[in-house]
N, C-alpha and C. Protein backbone atom coordinates (compact mmCIF):
# COMPACT_ATOMS: atom_id res chain seq x y z
N MET A 1 341.27 348.64 196.10
CA MET A 1 342.18 349.58 196.61
C MET A 1 341.76 350.04 198.03
N ARG A 2 340.47 350.34 198.20
CA ARG A 2 339.95 350.73 199.49
C ARG A 2 340.12 349.69 200.57
N SER A 3 339.89 348.46 200.14
CA SER A 3 340.08 347.28 201.10
C SER A 3 341.48 347.20 201.59
N HIS A 4 342.41 347.44 200.70
CA HIS A 4 343.88 347.38 201.10
C HIS A 4 344.13 348.56 202.08
N LEU A 5 343.66 349.76 201.80
CA LEU A 5 343.83 350.85 202.73
C LEU A 5 343.26 350.59 204.07
N LEU A 6 342.02 349.99 204.11
CA LEU A 6 341.38 349.72 205.43
C LEU A 6 342.22 348.64 206.15
N LEU A 7 342.73 347.66 205.48
CA LEU A 7 343.54 346.67 206.16
C LEU A 7 344.83 347.23 206.66
N ASP A 8 345.43 348.16 205.95
CA ASP A 8 346.63 348.83 206.42
C ASP A 8 346.38 349.60 207.68
N LEU A 9 345.19 350.23 207.78
CA LEU A 9 344.83 351.02 208.99
C LEU A 9 344.59 350.08 210.18
N LEU A 10 343.87 348.96 209.94
CA LEU A 10 343.60 348.06 211.05
C LEU A 10 344.79 347.27 211.45
N PHE A 11 345.59 346.78 210.43
CA PHE A 11 346.74 345.97 210.71
C PHE A 11 347.90 346.57 209.94
N PRO A 12 348.58 347.60 210.52
CA PRO A 12 349.63 348.27 209.76
C PRO A 12 350.78 347.23 209.35
N PRO A 13 351.13 347.30 208.06
CA PRO A 13 352.15 346.45 207.60
C PRO A 13 353.51 346.79 208.29
N LYS A 14 354.31 345.80 208.56
CA LYS A 14 355.60 346.04 209.24
C LYS A 14 356.67 345.05 208.83
N CYS A 15 357.86 345.45 208.98
CA CYS A 15 359.01 344.61 208.57
C CYS A 15 358.98 343.35 209.53
N PRO A 16 359.15 342.16 208.93
CA PRO A 16 359.08 340.92 209.78
C PRO A 16 360.24 340.81 210.73
N PHE A 17 361.37 341.54 210.48
CA PHE A 17 362.55 341.39 211.24
C PHE A 17 362.69 342.38 212.39
N CYS A 18 362.44 343.67 212.08
CA CYS A 18 362.66 344.70 213.14
C CYS A 18 361.41 345.26 213.63
N GLY A 19 360.25 344.98 212.95
CA GLY A 19 359.01 345.51 213.32
C GLY A 19 358.62 347.00 212.94
N ALA A 20 359.46 347.54 212.05
CA ALA A 20 359.23 348.89 211.56
C ALA A 20 357.85 348.99 210.89
N LEU A 21 357.06 349.97 211.25
CA LEU A 21 355.69 350.03 210.74
C LEU A 21 355.67 350.69 209.34
N ASP A 22 354.51 350.42 208.69
CA ASP A 22 354.27 350.98 207.36
C ASP A 22 355.28 350.48 206.31
N VAL A 23 355.67 349.26 206.47
CA VAL A 23 356.63 348.65 205.53
C VAL A 23 356.02 347.40 204.96
N HIS A 24 355.87 347.48 203.59
CA HIS A 24 355.37 346.35 202.87
C HIS A 24 356.64 345.54 202.38
N GLY A 25 356.85 344.34 202.95
CA GLY A 25 357.99 343.58 202.66
C GLY A 25 359.01 343.70 203.81
N VAL A 26 360.27 344.10 203.39
CA VAL A 26 361.34 344.15 204.31
C VAL A 26 361.92 345.59 204.28
N CYS A 27 362.19 346.22 205.46
CA CYS A 27 362.71 347.53 205.47
C CYS A 27 364.16 347.50 204.87
N SER A 28 364.57 348.69 204.35
CA SER A 28 365.87 348.75 203.72
C SER A 28 367.07 348.44 204.61
N LYS A 29 366.95 348.87 205.90
CA LYS A 29 368.02 348.54 206.92
C LYS A 29 368.16 346.96 207.04
N CYS A 30 367.09 346.30 207.26
CA CYS A 30 367.11 344.86 207.44
C CYS A 30 367.53 344.18 206.15
N GLU A 31 367.05 344.68 205.04
CA GLU A 31 367.43 344.04 203.74
C GLU A 31 368.90 343.96 203.54
N LYS A 32 369.68 345.00 204.01
CA LYS A 32 371.08 345.04 203.79
C LYS A 32 371.80 344.08 204.83
N ALA A 33 371.16 343.85 206.00
CA ALA A 33 371.82 343.12 207.12
C ALA A 33 371.48 341.72 207.15
N LEU A 34 370.56 341.23 206.34
CA LEU A 34 370.08 339.80 206.48
C LEU A 34 371.20 338.77 206.14
N PRO A 35 371.29 337.67 206.85
CA PRO A 35 372.29 336.66 206.60
C PRO A 35 371.95 335.88 205.39
N ARG A 36 372.50 336.17 204.28
CA ARG A 36 372.20 335.54 203.00
C ARG A 36 372.93 334.23 202.85
N MET A 37 372.32 333.26 202.17
CA MET A 37 373.05 332.03 201.80
C MET A 37 374.11 332.36 200.78
N GLU A 38 375.25 331.78 200.89
CA GLU A 38 376.30 331.93 199.82
C GLU A 38 375.89 331.43 198.51
N THR A 39 375.13 330.27 198.53
CA THR A 39 374.55 329.78 197.36
C THR A 39 373.10 329.53 197.60
N ALA A 40 372.21 330.21 196.91
CA ALA A 40 370.79 330.20 197.20
C ALA A 40 370.06 328.89 196.64
N LEU A 41 370.75 328.09 195.86
CA LEU A 41 370.09 326.90 195.38
C LEU A 41 370.78 325.64 196.05
N ARG A 42 369.97 325.00 196.83
CA ARG A 42 370.46 323.68 197.37
C ARG A 42 370.01 322.54 196.45
N GLU A 43 370.85 321.66 196.19
CA GLU A 43 370.49 320.51 195.32
C GLU A 43 370.94 319.17 195.97
N GLY A 44 370.11 318.24 195.81
CA GLY A 44 370.46 316.86 196.35
C GLY A 44 369.33 316.14 196.90
N ALA A 45 369.66 314.92 197.42
CA ALA A 45 368.62 314.05 198.03
C ALA A 45 368.27 314.69 199.36
N PRO A 46 366.97 314.52 199.79
CA PRO A 46 365.89 313.70 199.17
C PRO A 46 364.85 314.52 198.34
N TYR A 47 365.22 315.80 198.14
CA TYR A 47 364.11 316.71 197.62
C TYR A 47 364.50 317.20 196.21
N GLY A 48 365.67 317.12 195.67
CA GLY A 48 365.98 317.66 194.32
C GLY A 48 366.53 319.02 194.42
N LYS A 49 365.76 320.02 194.09
CA LYS A 49 366.20 321.39 194.10
C LYS A 49 365.41 322.21 195.14
N CYS A 50 366.09 323.15 195.83
CA CYS A 50 365.44 324.00 196.80
C CYS A 50 366.06 325.30 196.80
N ALA A 51 365.25 326.37 196.51
CA ALA A 51 365.74 327.76 196.52
C ALA A 51 365.59 328.28 197.94
N VAL A 52 366.66 328.81 198.47
CA VAL A 52 366.67 329.30 199.90
C VAL A 52 367.47 330.57 200.00
N PRO A 53 366.84 331.74 200.28
CA PRO A 53 367.57 332.99 200.31
C PRO A 53 368.40 333.23 201.59
N LEU A 54 367.94 332.68 202.76
CA LEU A 54 368.48 333.18 204.07
C LEU A 54 369.00 332.02 204.90
N LYS A 55 369.93 332.36 205.82
CA LYS A 55 370.42 331.43 206.88
C LYS A 55 369.47 331.52 208.03
N TYR A 56 369.23 330.37 208.72
CA TYR A 56 368.31 330.37 209.87
C TYR A 56 369.18 330.72 211.11
N GLU A 57 369.40 332.03 211.24
CA GLU A 57 370.20 332.53 212.34
C GLU A 57 369.77 334.01 212.65
N GLY A 58 370.17 334.42 213.88
CA GLY A 58 369.93 335.79 214.25
C GLY A 58 368.50 336.32 214.07
N ALA A 59 368.38 337.39 213.42
CA ALA A 59 367.01 338.08 213.19
C ALA A 59 366.16 337.15 212.35
N VAL A 60 366.67 336.41 211.49
CA VAL A 60 365.88 335.51 210.65
C VAL A 60 365.23 334.42 211.55
N ARG A 61 366.02 333.77 212.39
CA ARG A 61 365.54 332.79 213.28
C ARG A 61 364.39 333.38 214.21
N GLU A 62 364.68 334.55 214.74
CA GLU A 62 363.65 335.17 215.67
C GLU A 62 362.35 335.50 214.85
N ALA A 63 362.49 335.95 213.68
CA ALA A 63 361.32 336.30 212.90
C ALA A 63 360.45 335.09 212.53
N ILE A 64 361.14 333.96 212.16
CA ILE A 64 360.43 332.74 211.85
C ILE A 64 359.77 332.13 213.04
N LEU A 65 360.47 332.21 214.20
CA LEU A 65 359.87 331.67 215.44
C LEU A 65 358.60 332.49 215.83
N ARG A 66 358.72 333.79 215.69
CA ARG A 66 357.50 334.58 215.99
C ARG A 66 356.39 334.26 215.02
N PHE A 67 356.70 334.12 213.72
CA PHE A 67 355.80 333.80 212.75
C PHE A 67 355.07 332.50 212.97
N LYS A 68 355.82 331.39 213.41
CA LYS A 68 355.27 330.12 213.54
C LYS A 68 354.57 329.95 214.91
N PHE A 69 355.08 330.48 215.92
CA PHE A 69 354.60 330.09 217.28
C PHE A 69 354.02 331.20 218.11
N ARG A 70 354.17 332.48 217.71
CA ARG A 70 353.75 333.58 218.53
C ARG A 70 352.79 334.49 217.84
N GLY A 71 352.05 333.91 216.90
CA GLY A 71 350.90 334.67 216.24
C GLY A 71 351.40 335.76 215.33
N GLY A 72 352.60 335.66 214.74
CA GLY A 72 353.14 336.68 213.94
C GLY A 72 352.78 336.51 212.48
N GLN A 73 351.50 336.36 212.14
CA GLN A 73 351.07 336.11 210.78
C GLN A 73 351.42 337.26 209.82
N SER A 74 351.57 338.48 210.38
CA SER A 74 351.80 339.66 209.55
C SER A 74 353.22 339.47 208.85
N ALA A 75 354.11 338.62 209.34
CA ALA A 75 355.36 338.43 208.75
C ALA A 75 355.32 337.75 207.44
N ALA A 76 354.16 337.09 207.13
CA ALA A 76 354.08 336.30 205.87
C ALA A 76 354.38 337.11 204.64
N GLU A 77 353.95 338.37 204.65
CA GLU A 77 354.13 339.17 203.41
C GLU A 77 355.60 339.41 203.14
N GLY A 78 356.37 339.89 204.14
CA GLY A 78 357.83 340.14 203.90
C GLY A 78 358.57 338.84 203.66
N LEU A 79 358.32 337.77 204.40
CA LEU A 79 359.01 336.49 204.22
C LEU A 79 358.67 335.87 202.88
N GLY A 80 357.35 336.02 202.52
CA GLY A 80 356.89 335.49 201.22
C GLY A 80 357.46 336.19 200.04
N MET A 81 357.70 337.52 200.22
CA MET A 81 358.37 338.24 199.07
C MET A 81 359.77 337.88 198.86
N LEU A 82 360.52 337.68 200.00
CA LEU A 82 361.94 337.22 199.88
C LEU A 82 361.99 335.85 199.19
N LEU A 83 361.07 334.99 199.64
CA LEU A 83 360.98 333.64 199.13
C LEU A 83 360.66 333.66 197.59
N ALA A 84 359.75 334.49 197.19
CA ALA A 84 359.29 334.58 195.87
C ALA A 84 360.40 335.10 194.92
N GLN A 85 361.15 336.13 195.43
CA GLN A 85 362.23 336.64 194.61
C GLN A 85 363.30 335.57 194.39
N CYS A 86 363.65 334.80 195.46
CA CYS A 86 364.63 333.81 195.32
C CYS A 86 364.17 332.69 194.42
N ALA A 87 362.94 332.30 194.58
CA ALA A 87 362.40 331.15 193.70
C ALA A 87 362.39 331.61 192.24
N ALA A 88 362.01 332.86 191.99
CA ALA A 88 361.97 333.29 190.56
C ALA A 88 363.37 333.31 189.98
N GLU A 89 364.36 333.77 190.81
CA GLU A 89 365.71 333.87 190.29
C GLU A 89 366.35 332.47 190.09
N GLU A 90 366.07 331.52 190.97
CA GLU A 90 366.73 330.20 190.92
C GLU A 90 365.99 329.12 190.20
N LEU A 91 364.60 329.31 190.13
CA LEU A 91 363.81 328.23 189.61
C LEU A 91 362.77 328.73 188.58
N GLY A 92 362.98 329.96 188.09
CA GLY A 92 362.03 330.51 187.14
C GLY A 92 361.86 329.64 185.90
N GLY A 93 360.60 329.39 185.55
CA GLY A 93 360.36 328.59 184.35
C GLY A 93 360.24 327.09 184.65
N GLU A 94 360.42 326.70 185.94
CA GLU A 94 360.45 325.27 186.25
C GLU A 94 359.21 324.84 186.98
N PHE A 95 358.23 325.75 187.15
CA PHE A 95 356.91 325.36 187.78
C PHE A 95 355.77 326.18 187.23
N ASP A 96 354.58 325.54 187.38
CA ASP A 96 353.41 326.27 186.90
C ASP A 96 352.29 326.16 187.92
N ILE A 97 352.50 325.57 189.14
CA ILE A 97 351.52 325.56 190.21
C ILE A 97 352.29 325.58 191.49
N VAL A 98 351.74 326.22 192.49
CA VAL A 98 352.39 326.45 193.79
C VAL A 98 351.60 325.76 194.91
N THR A 99 352.30 325.04 195.76
CA THR A 99 351.59 324.47 196.88
C THR A 99 352.54 324.56 198.11
N TRP A 100 352.17 323.87 199.23
CA TRP A 100 352.96 324.01 200.46
C TRP A 100 352.95 322.71 201.24
N ALA A 101 353.88 322.57 202.08
CA ALA A 101 353.98 321.39 203.03
C ALA A 101 353.06 321.68 204.24
N PRO A 102 351.90 321.08 204.34
CA PRO A 102 350.92 321.45 205.32
C PRO A 102 351.28 320.98 206.76
N VAL A 103 350.75 321.72 207.75
CA VAL A 103 350.83 321.27 209.15
C VAL A 103 349.56 320.32 209.33
N SER A 104 349.47 319.66 210.45
CA SER A 104 348.37 318.77 210.78
C SER A 104 347.20 319.73 211.17
N GLU A 105 345.95 319.14 211.07
CA GLU A 105 344.78 319.90 211.48
C GLU A 105 344.90 320.28 213.00
N LYS A 106 345.48 319.38 213.79
CA LYS A 106 345.68 319.72 215.23
C LYS A 106 346.52 320.94 215.40
N ARG A 107 347.59 320.97 214.71
CA ARG A 107 348.49 322.14 214.88
C ARG A 107 347.88 323.42 214.26
N ARG A 108 347.13 323.21 213.20
CA ARG A 108 346.46 324.34 212.57
C ARG A 108 345.45 324.97 213.59
N ARG A 109 344.70 324.13 214.23
CA ARG A 109 343.72 324.61 215.24
C ARG A 109 344.42 325.28 216.39
N GLU A 110 345.57 324.71 216.86
CA GLU A 110 346.32 325.30 218.01
C GLU A 110 346.82 326.71 217.67
N ARG A 111 347.40 326.81 216.41
CA ARG A 111 348.01 328.11 216.04
C ARG A 111 347.02 329.07 215.43
N GLY A 112 346.03 328.49 214.87
CA GLY A 112 345.00 329.37 214.15
C GLY A 112 345.31 329.56 212.71
N TYR A 113 346.45 328.98 212.22
CA TYR A 113 346.83 329.17 210.85
C TYR A 113 347.92 328.13 210.52
N ASP A 114 348.16 327.99 209.19
CA ASP A 114 349.24 327.15 208.71
C ASP A 114 350.27 328.07 208.16
N GLN A 115 351.48 328.19 208.74
CA GLN A 115 352.49 329.13 208.36
C GLN A 115 352.97 328.93 206.89
N ALA A 116 353.09 327.67 206.50
CA ALA A 116 353.58 327.41 205.13
C ALA A 116 352.52 327.82 204.12
N GLU A 117 351.22 327.71 204.50
CA GLU A 117 350.17 328.16 203.58
C GLU A 117 350.26 329.67 203.37
N LEU A 118 350.39 330.36 204.59
CA LEU A 118 350.53 331.83 204.48
C LEU A 118 351.74 332.24 203.62
N LEU A 119 352.88 331.58 203.74
CA LEU A 119 353.99 331.90 202.94
C LEU A 119 353.70 331.67 201.46
N ALA A 120 353.06 330.47 201.18
CA ALA A 120 352.70 330.17 199.75
C ALA A 120 351.76 331.22 199.18
N ARG A 121 350.76 331.66 199.92
CA ARG A 121 349.89 332.66 199.48
C ARG A 121 350.58 334.04 199.21
N ALA A 122 351.50 334.40 200.14
CA ALA A 122 352.26 335.63 199.97
C ALA A 122 353.16 335.53 198.76
N ALA A 123 353.83 334.42 198.53
CA ALA A 123 354.71 334.24 197.39
C ALA A 123 353.97 334.23 196.09
N ALA A 124 352.94 333.50 196.09
CA ALA A 124 352.09 333.38 194.80
C ALA A 124 351.52 334.72 194.50
N LYS A 125 351.15 335.57 195.40
CA LYS A 125 350.55 336.84 195.17
C LYS A 125 351.56 337.77 194.33
N CYS A 126 352.90 337.52 194.61
CA CYS A 126 353.93 338.26 193.83
C CYS A 126 353.84 337.90 192.29
N TRP A 127 353.32 336.74 192.03
CA TRP A 127 353.20 336.29 190.64
C TRP A 127 351.78 336.36 190.13
N ASP A 128 350.91 337.03 190.89
CA ASP A 128 349.49 337.20 190.50
C ASP A 128 348.84 335.83 190.28
N THR A 129 349.04 334.99 191.20
CA THR A 129 348.32 333.73 191.25
C THR A 129 348.06 333.28 192.66
N ARG A 130 347.41 332.13 192.80
CA ARG A 130 347.15 331.58 194.09
C ARG A 130 347.65 330.17 194.20
N PRO A 131 348.10 329.71 195.37
CA PRO A 131 348.55 328.37 195.57
C PRO A 131 347.40 327.40 195.64
N GLU A 132 347.65 326.14 195.38
CA GLU A 132 346.66 325.10 195.48
C GLU A 132 347.03 324.13 196.56
N ARG A 133 346.08 323.63 197.33
CA ARG A 133 346.27 322.72 198.40
C ARG A 133 346.39 321.27 197.75
N LEU A 134 347.63 320.88 197.46
CA LEU A 134 347.77 319.57 196.78
C LEU A 134 348.10 318.43 197.70
N LEU A 135 348.49 318.85 199.00
CA LEU A 135 348.88 317.80 200.01
C LEU A 135 348.02 317.94 201.31
N LYS A 136 347.88 316.87 202.00
CA LYS A 136 347.24 316.92 203.32
C LYS A 136 348.04 316.09 204.23
N LYS A 137 348.06 316.41 205.48
CA LYS A 137 348.84 315.71 206.52
C LYS A 137 347.86 314.70 207.12
N LEU A 138 348.23 313.43 207.03
CA LEU A 138 347.26 312.37 207.42
C LEU A 138 347.15 312.21 208.91
N ARG A 139 348.22 312.55 209.64
CA ARG A 139 348.20 312.50 211.12
C ARG A 139 349.23 313.45 211.73
N ASP A 140 349.17 313.72 212.97
CA ASP A 140 350.07 314.63 213.60
C ASP A 140 351.29 313.78 213.95
N ASN A 141 352.45 314.43 213.99
CA ASN A 141 353.68 313.77 214.28
C ASN A 141 354.48 314.68 215.20
N PRO A 142 355.47 314.09 215.92
CA PRO A 142 356.26 314.95 216.83
C PRO A 142 357.03 315.98 215.99
N PRO A 143 357.32 317.17 216.56
CA PRO A 143 358.11 318.14 215.85
C PRO A 143 359.44 317.60 215.45
N GLN A 144 359.95 318.10 214.19
CA GLN A 144 361.22 317.63 213.73
C GLN A 144 362.41 318.19 214.52
N SER A 145 362.23 319.37 215.16
CA SER A 145 363.31 319.99 215.89
C SER A 145 363.82 319.06 216.98
N GLY A 146 365.09 318.93 217.13
CA GLY A 146 365.73 318.09 218.20
C GLY A 146 365.94 316.68 217.75
N LEU A 147 365.52 316.30 216.52
CA LEU A 147 365.67 314.94 216.05
C LEU A 147 366.92 314.88 215.13
N GLY A 148 367.66 313.72 215.14
CA GLY A 148 368.74 313.53 214.22
C GLY A 148 368.22 313.28 212.83
N ALA A 149 369.17 313.17 211.87
CA ALA A 149 368.77 313.03 210.44
C ALA A 149 367.99 311.75 210.21
N ALA A 150 368.41 310.69 210.74
CA ALA A 150 367.70 309.37 210.58
C ALA A 150 366.30 309.46 211.21
N GLU A 151 366.28 310.03 212.38
CA GLU A 151 364.97 310.16 213.12
C GLU A 151 364.04 311.10 212.35
N ARG A 152 364.51 312.17 211.75
CA ARG A 152 363.68 313.04 210.96
C ARG A 152 363.10 312.27 209.79
N ARG A 153 363.88 311.43 209.12
CA ARG A 153 363.29 310.72 207.99
C ARG A 153 362.18 309.80 208.37
N GLY A 154 362.44 309.07 209.49
CA GLY A 154 361.38 308.15 210.01
C GLY A 154 360.13 308.86 210.54
N ASN A 155 360.32 310.07 211.03
CA ASN A 155 359.33 310.81 211.67
C ASN A 155 358.25 311.29 210.69
N VAL A 156 358.69 311.42 209.37
CA VAL A 156 357.68 311.98 208.37
C VAL A 156 357.23 310.93 207.36
N LEU A 157 357.73 309.70 207.47
CA LEU A 157 357.36 308.71 206.53
C LEU A 157 355.86 308.37 206.54
N GLY A 158 355.15 308.50 205.48
CA GLY A 158 353.73 308.13 205.33
C GLY A 158 352.77 309.07 206.03
N ILE A 159 353.21 310.30 206.33
CA ILE A 159 352.23 311.21 207.07
C ILE A 159 351.64 312.19 206.14
N TYR A 160 352.01 312.22 204.80
CA TYR A 160 351.35 313.05 203.80
C TYR A 160 350.60 312.25 202.79
N GLY A 161 349.54 312.85 202.24
CA GLY A 161 348.77 312.22 201.16
C GLY A 161 348.35 313.32 200.19
N ALA A 162 347.94 312.83 198.97
CA ALA A 162 347.60 313.77 197.91
C ALA A 162 346.17 314.30 198.23
N ALA A 163 345.99 315.63 198.13
CA ALA A 163 344.67 316.26 198.44
C ALA A 163 343.83 316.42 197.14
N GLN A 164 344.51 316.65 195.99
CA GLN A 164 343.79 316.92 194.76
C GLN A 164 344.55 316.17 193.61
N PRO A 165 344.43 314.82 193.55
CA PRO A 165 345.22 314.11 192.54
C PRO A 165 345.03 314.60 191.12
N ASP A 166 343.80 315.09 190.84
CA ASP A 166 343.56 315.55 189.41
C ASP A 166 344.42 316.79 189.11
N LYS A 167 344.66 317.68 190.12
CA LYS A 167 345.50 318.83 189.84
C LYS A 167 347.04 318.54 189.88
N ILE A 168 347.38 317.44 190.50
CA ILE A 168 348.76 317.03 190.66
C ILE A 168 349.29 316.39 189.34
N LYS A 169 348.39 315.68 188.66
CA LYS A 169 348.85 314.79 187.50
C LYS A 169 349.42 315.77 186.46
N ASP A 170 350.62 315.47 186.05
CA ASP A 170 351.34 316.12 184.93
C ASP A 170 351.70 317.61 185.29
N ALA A 171 351.53 318.01 186.53
CA ALA A 171 351.87 319.36 186.92
C ALA A 171 353.33 319.51 187.28
N ARG A 172 353.90 320.77 187.06
CA ARG A 172 355.18 321.12 187.45
C ARG A 172 355.00 321.89 188.78
N VAL A 173 355.36 321.40 189.96
CA VAL A 173 354.96 321.99 191.22
C VAL A 173 356.10 322.69 191.87
N LEU A 174 355.81 323.88 192.49
CA LEU A 174 356.74 324.50 193.45
C LEU A 174 356.13 324.24 194.84
N LEU A 175 356.98 323.58 195.72
CA LEU A 175 356.54 323.22 197.00
C LEU A 175 357.22 324.16 198.01
N ILE A 176 356.40 324.84 198.85
CA ILE A 176 356.92 325.86 199.74
C ILE A 176 356.83 325.39 201.21
N ASP A 177 357.88 325.72 201.98
CA ASP A 177 357.87 325.55 203.39
C ASP A 177 358.72 326.66 204.02
N ASP A 178 358.78 326.67 205.44
CA ASP A 178 359.46 327.81 206.06
C ASP A 178 360.95 327.56 206.16
N ILE A 179 361.34 326.37 206.68
CA ILE A 179 362.75 326.07 206.93
C ILE A 179 363.13 324.74 206.36
N VAL A 180 364.36 324.63 205.81
CA VAL A 180 364.87 323.30 205.43
C VAL A 180 366.10 323.02 206.27
N THR A 181 366.18 321.84 206.82
CA THR A 181 367.35 321.33 207.59
C THR A 181 368.00 320.14 206.88
N THR A 182 367.49 318.98 207.18
CA THR A 182 367.99 317.82 206.37
C THR A 182 367.19 317.61 205.12
N GLY A 183 365.99 318.24 204.96
CA GLY A 183 365.19 318.03 203.75
C GLY A 183 364.25 316.89 203.88
N SER A 184 364.12 316.26 205.04
CA SER A 184 363.29 315.10 205.19
C SER A 184 361.80 315.39 204.88
N THR A 185 361.25 316.53 205.45
CA THR A 185 359.86 316.90 205.21
C THR A 185 359.64 317.18 203.72
N LEU A 186 360.49 318.02 203.12
CA LEU A 186 360.40 318.30 201.71
C LEU A 186 360.47 317.04 200.88
N GLY A 187 361.44 316.15 201.21
CA GLY A 187 361.60 314.95 200.45
C GLY A 187 360.35 314.00 200.42
N GLU A 188 359.69 313.96 201.62
CA GLU A 188 358.48 313.14 201.73
C GLU A 188 357.38 313.70 200.95
N CYS A 189 357.25 315.05 200.96
CA CYS A 189 356.20 315.71 200.17
C CYS A 189 356.47 315.55 198.71
N VAL A 190 357.73 315.69 198.29
CA VAL A 190 358.11 315.55 196.87
C VAL A 190 357.75 314.08 196.42
N ARG A 191 358.07 313.11 197.27
CA ARG A 191 357.74 311.70 196.90
C ARG A 191 356.31 311.48 196.68
N VAL A 192 355.41 312.03 197.63
CA VAL A 192 353.98 311.88 197.45
C VAL A 192 353.55 312.57 196.15
N LEU A 193 353.98 313.74 195.91
CA LEU A 193 353.58 314.50 194.70
C LEU A 193 353.94 313.73 193.45
N LYS A 194 355.15 313.22 193.40
CA LYS A 194 355.61 312.50 192.20
C LYS A 194 354.87 311.19 192.00
N GLU A 195 354.61 310.44 193.06
CA GLU A 195 353.87 309.23 193.04
C GLU A 195 352.48 309.45 192.63
N SER A 196 351.96 310.68 192.90
CA SER A 196 350.58 311.05 192.52
C SER A 196 350.47 311.58 191.07
N GLY A 197 351.64 311.65 190.34
CA GLY A 197 351.63 311.95 188.91
C GLY A 197 352.21 313.34 188.53
N ALA A 198 352.83 314.02 189.52
CA ALA A 198 353.45 315.30 189.19
C ALA A 198 354.53 315.06 188.14
N GLN A 199 354.69 315.98 187.19
CA GLN A 199 355.71 315.86 186.20
C GLN A 199 357.09 316.18 186.80
N SER A 200 357.12 317.21 187.65
CA SER A 200 358.34 317.58 188.39
C SER A 200 357.97 318.33 189.67
N VAL A 201 358.90 318.40 190.59
CA VAL A 201 358.70 319.16 191.80
C VAL A 201 360.02 319.86 192.16
N VAL A 202 359.94 321.20 192.37
CA VAL A 202 361.02 321.96 192.92
C VAL A 202 360.53 322.60 194.21
N CYS A 203 361.46 322.99 195.10
CA CYS A 203 361.09 323.51 196.42
C CYS A 203 361.63 324.87 196.62
N ALA A 204 361.07 325.61 197.67
CA ALA A 204 361.57 326.90 198.09
C ALA A 204 361.19 327.04 199.56
N CYS A 205 362.18 327.50 200.33
CA CYS A 205 362.02 327.81 201.71
C CYS A 205 362.61 329.17 202.08
N VAL A 206 362.15 329.81 203.13
CA VAL A 206 362.70 331.07 203.56
C VAL A 206 364.17 330.96 204.02
N ALA A 207 364.44 329.93 204.84
CA ALA A 207 365.75 329.81 205.47
C ALA A 207 366.22 328.36 205.57
N SER A 208 367.55 328.31 205.62
CA SER A 208 368.24 326.95 205.79
C SER A 208 368.87 326.96 207.13
N ALA A 209 368.65 325.84 207.87
CA ALA A 209 369.24 325.62 209.18
C ALA A 209 370.70 325.00 209.03
N THR A 210 371.08 324.71 207.79
CA THR A 210 372.44 324.24 207.51
C THR A 210 372.96 325.11 206.41
N THR A 211 374.24 325.13 206.18
CA THR A 211 374.85 326.09 205.26
C THR A 211 375.58 325.39 204.12
N GLN A 212 375.12 324.22 203.69
CA GLN A 212 375.85 323.55 202.61
C GLN A 212 375.73 324.42 201.33
N THR A 213 376.90 324.49 200.72
CA THR A 213 377.01 325.25 199.47
C THR A 213 377.30 324.34 198.32
N HIS A 214 377.35 323.03 198.56
CA HIS A 214 377.60 322.09 197.49
C HIS A 214 376.45 321.14 197.31
N LYS A 215 376.49 320.25 196.37
CA LYS A 215 375.43 319.28 196.20
C LYS A 215 375.47 318.34 197.34
N GLU A 216 374.27 318.16 197.98
CA GLU A 216 374.19 317.26 199.14
C GLU A 216 374.04 315.82 198.71
N ARG A 217 374.67 314.95 199.40
CA ARG A 217 374.63 313.54 199.17
C ARG A 217 373.79 312.80 200.19
């Protein structure tokens, strides 16, 4: 308890969207104004199922950009709580281990952290557990932003490998990332996990950059 109080004094918790201080999670004002997905469960190729609470627009887009590129690690708690709530509602009972889609070691060094790992840790904390590093990125690749759907698929082929095959075998995995667009990154991670022996894989992201409300083909 004392360690939590000390951390709150040194790094005051704040809303990831408006920056209001002394807020664990999301402030009530932002909670009401967030752009919610009409349907929080996306289904289809190439990833299967993905729980997504928010649209990637407005304050959500700005919060995620700060989180990823501007040292906004403190946003992980609020974003992770939103993700955890959505995953529990849409995918409850479908997973028993949590992991994330990792960045490359190069990008981790540049940023000082892996944003998907922080999200996974924050989400898993809501369930009194910890995520496992089941995947590793084998090489750095160009950013997915700005690429078309076919280019996105080609950009991620073969860039992930299994980090702990013994923990993957027969596991029911929840795979976490920050944003889903075409699903190419999630799909490649799902493929590696299943080929490494996972019984099943479901996904969860904070936001969707597209607004499909039907099964994607």
